[in-house]
Amino acid sequence: MDRDTGKSKGFGFVEMQNAEEGRDAIENLKDISLGKKPLVVKEAEEKPGPSGGGGFRPGGQNRGGFNSGGNRRGY
């Protein structure tokens, strides 16, 4: 959800316990539609940035970056 407008940004992240579960989820969810829009499921890509991912959010909503849960990966 966008914190300023309260509307959905249209995407989200899910952390899986291991890579095998992530690959299974990607395989089983491809070619599914939500209404008129296709559901796109893929492995998260780390984006380079000055803060090294994650970061500080004013107002107390601090969240970790990509792969912040040890060896878990985002899918």
C-alpha atoms as a PDB file:
ATOM      1  CA  MET A   1       0.000   0.000   0.000  1.00  0.00           C
ATOM      2  CA  ASP A   2       1.178   3.493  -0.768  1.00  0.00           C
ATOM      3  CA  ARG A   3       1.579   5.270   2.546  1.00  0.00           C
ATOM      4  CA  ASP A   4       0.549   8.645   1.108  1.00  0.00           C
ATOM      5  CA  THR A   5      -2.531   7.628  -0.900  1.00  0.00           C
ATOM      6  CA  GLY A   6      -3.517   4.405   0.886  1.00  0.00           C
ATOM      7  CA  LYS A   7      -3.952   2.706  -2.513  1.00  0.00           C
ATOM      8  CA  SER A   8      -2.370  -0.564  -3.597  1.00  0.00           C
ATOM      9  CA  LYS A   9       0.914  -0.259  -5.459  1.00  0.00           C
ATOM     10  CA  GLY A  10       0.038  -3.425  -7.347  1.00  0.00           C
ATOM     11  CA  PHE A  11       2.961  -5.544  -6.198  1.00  0.00           C
ATOM     12  CA  GLY A  12       4.282  -7.349  -3.166  1.00  0.00           C
ATOM     13  CA  PHE A  13       7.095  -9.548  -1.904  1.00  0.00           C
ATOM     14  CA  VAL A  14       6.939 -13.005  -0.348  1.00  0.00           C
ATOM     15  CA  GLU A  15       9.821 -14.695   1.461  1.00  0.00           C
ATOM     16  CA  MET A  16      10.089 -18.448   1.096  1.00  0.00           C
ATOM     17  CA  GLN A  17      11.894 -20.773   3.496  1.00  0.00           C
ATOM     18  CA  ASN A  18      14.156 -22.143   0.764  1.00  0.00           C
ATOM     19  CA  ALA A  19      14.890 -21.861  -2.956  1.00  0.00           C
ATOM     20  CA  GLU A  20      13.001 -25.071  -3.820  1.00  0.00           C
ATOM     21  CA  GLU A  21       9.740 -23.721  -2.347  1.00  0.00           C
ATOM     22  CA  GLY A  22      10.282 -20.488  -4.234  1.00  0.00           C
ATOM     23  CA  ARG A  23      10.785 -22.265  -7.557  1.00  0.00           C
ATOM     24  CA  ASP A  24       7.676 -24.387  -6.908  1.00  0.00           C
ATOM     25  CA  ALA A  25       5.601 -21.271  -6.185  1.00  0.00           C
ATOM     26  CA  ILE A  26       6.832 -19.558  -9.348  1.00  0.00           C
ATOM     27  CA  GLU A  27       6.059 -22.633 -11.455  1.00  0.00           C
ATOM     28  CA  ASN A  28       2.586 -23.187  -9.945  1.00  0.00           C
ATOM     29  CA  LEU A  29       1.459 -19.560 -10.146  1.00  0.00           C
ATOM     30  CA  LYS A  30       2.473 -18.726 -13.717  1.00  0.00           C
ATOM     31  CA  ASP A  31      -0.318 -18.245 -16.254  1.00  0.00           C
ATOM     32  CA  ILE A  32      -2.829 -17.216 -13.563  1.00  0.00           C
ATOM     33  CA  SER A  33      -4.885 -14.042 -13.972  1.00  0.00           C
ATOM     34  CA  LEU A  34      -6.396 -11.754 -11.372  1.00  0.00           C
ATOM     35  CA  GLY A  35      -9.392 -10.331 -13.149  1.00  0.00           C
ATOM     36  CA  LYS A  36      -8.065  -8.991 -16.448  1.00  0.00           C
ATOM     37  CA  LYS A  37      -4.448  -8.706 -15.300  1.00  0.00           C
ATOM     38  CA  PRO A  38      -1.987 -11.603 -15.447  1.00  0.00           C
ATOM     39  CA  LEU A  39      -0.203 -12.467 -12.206  1.00  0.00           C
ATOM     40  CA  VAL A  40       3.564 -12.058 -12.633  1.00  0.00           C
ATOM     41  CA  VAL A  41       5.622 -14.164 -10.220  1.00  0.00           C
ATOM     42  CA  LYS A  42       9.409 -14.084 -10.363  1.00  0.00           C
ATOM     43  CA  GLU A  43      12.463 -14.102  -8.145  1.00  0.00           C
ATOM     44  CA  ALA A  44      13.217 -10.701  -6.638  1.00  0.00           C
ATOM     45  CA  GLU A  45      16.170  -8.852  -8.122  1.00  0.00           C
ATOM     46  CA  GLU A  46      18.370  -6.810  -5.843  1.00  0.00           C
ATOM     47  CA  LYS A  47      18.560  -3.235  -7.064  1.00  0.00           C
ATOM     48  CA  PRO A  48      21.781  -1.324  -6.451  1.00  0.00           C
ATOM     49  CA  GLY A  49      21.352   1.846  -4.469  1.00  0.00           C
ATOM     50  CA  PRO A  50      23.178   4.218  -2.168  1.00  0.00           C
ATOM     51  CA  SER A  51      21.753   2.620   0.994  1.00  0.00           C
ATOM     52  CA  GLY A  52      22.587  -0.967  -0.028  1.00  0.00           C
ATOM     53  CA  GLY A  53      18.946  -2.096  -0.026  1.00  0.00           C
ATOM     54  CA  GLY A  54      16.347  -1.859   2.718  1.00  0.00           C
ATOM     55  CA  GLY A  55      16.838   1.257   4.705  1.00  0.00           C
ATOM     56  CA  PHE A  56      15.330   3.623   7.200  1.00  0.00           C
ATOM     57  CA  ARG A  57      11.775   4.864   6.987  1.00  0.00           C
ATOM     58  CA  PRO A  58      10.792   7.903   8.990  1.00  0.00           C
ATOM     59  CA  GLY A  59       7.940   7.301  11.385  1.00  0.00           C
ATOM     60  CA  GLY A  60       9.199   4.040  12.823  1.00  0.00           C
ATOM     61  CA  GLN A  61       8.503   1.731   9.885  1.00  0.00           C
ATOM     62  CA  ASN A  62      12.032   0.410   9.450  1.00  0.00           C
ATOM     63  CA  ARG A  63      12.357  -2.655   7.274  1.00  0.00           C
ATOM     64  CA  GLY A  64      15.285  -4.778   6.201  1.00  0.00           C
ATOM     65  CA  GLY A  65      16.543  -5.087   2.667  1.00  0.00           C
ATOM     66  CA  PHE A  66      16.638  -7.957   0.238  1.00  0.00           C
ATOM     67  CA  ASN A  67      17.730 -11.265   1.725  1.00  0.00           C
ATOM     68  CA  SER A  68      17.570  -9.779   5.219  1.00  0.00           C
ATOM     69  CA  GLY A  69      16.423 -13.102   6.713  1.00  0.00           C
ATOM     70  CA  GLY A  70      19.718 -14.980   6.599  1.00  0.00           C
ATOM     71  CA  ASN A  71      19.827 -17.377   3.668  1.00  0.00           C
ATOM     72  CA  ARG A  72      16.170 -16.922   2.668  1.00  0.00           C
ATOM     73  CA  ARG A  73      15.444 -15.361  -0.700  1.00  0.00           C
ATOM     74  CA  GLY A  74      12.549 -13.218  -1.924  1.00  0.00           C
ATOM     75  CA  TYR A  75      10.297 -14.679  -4.639  1.00  0.00           C
END
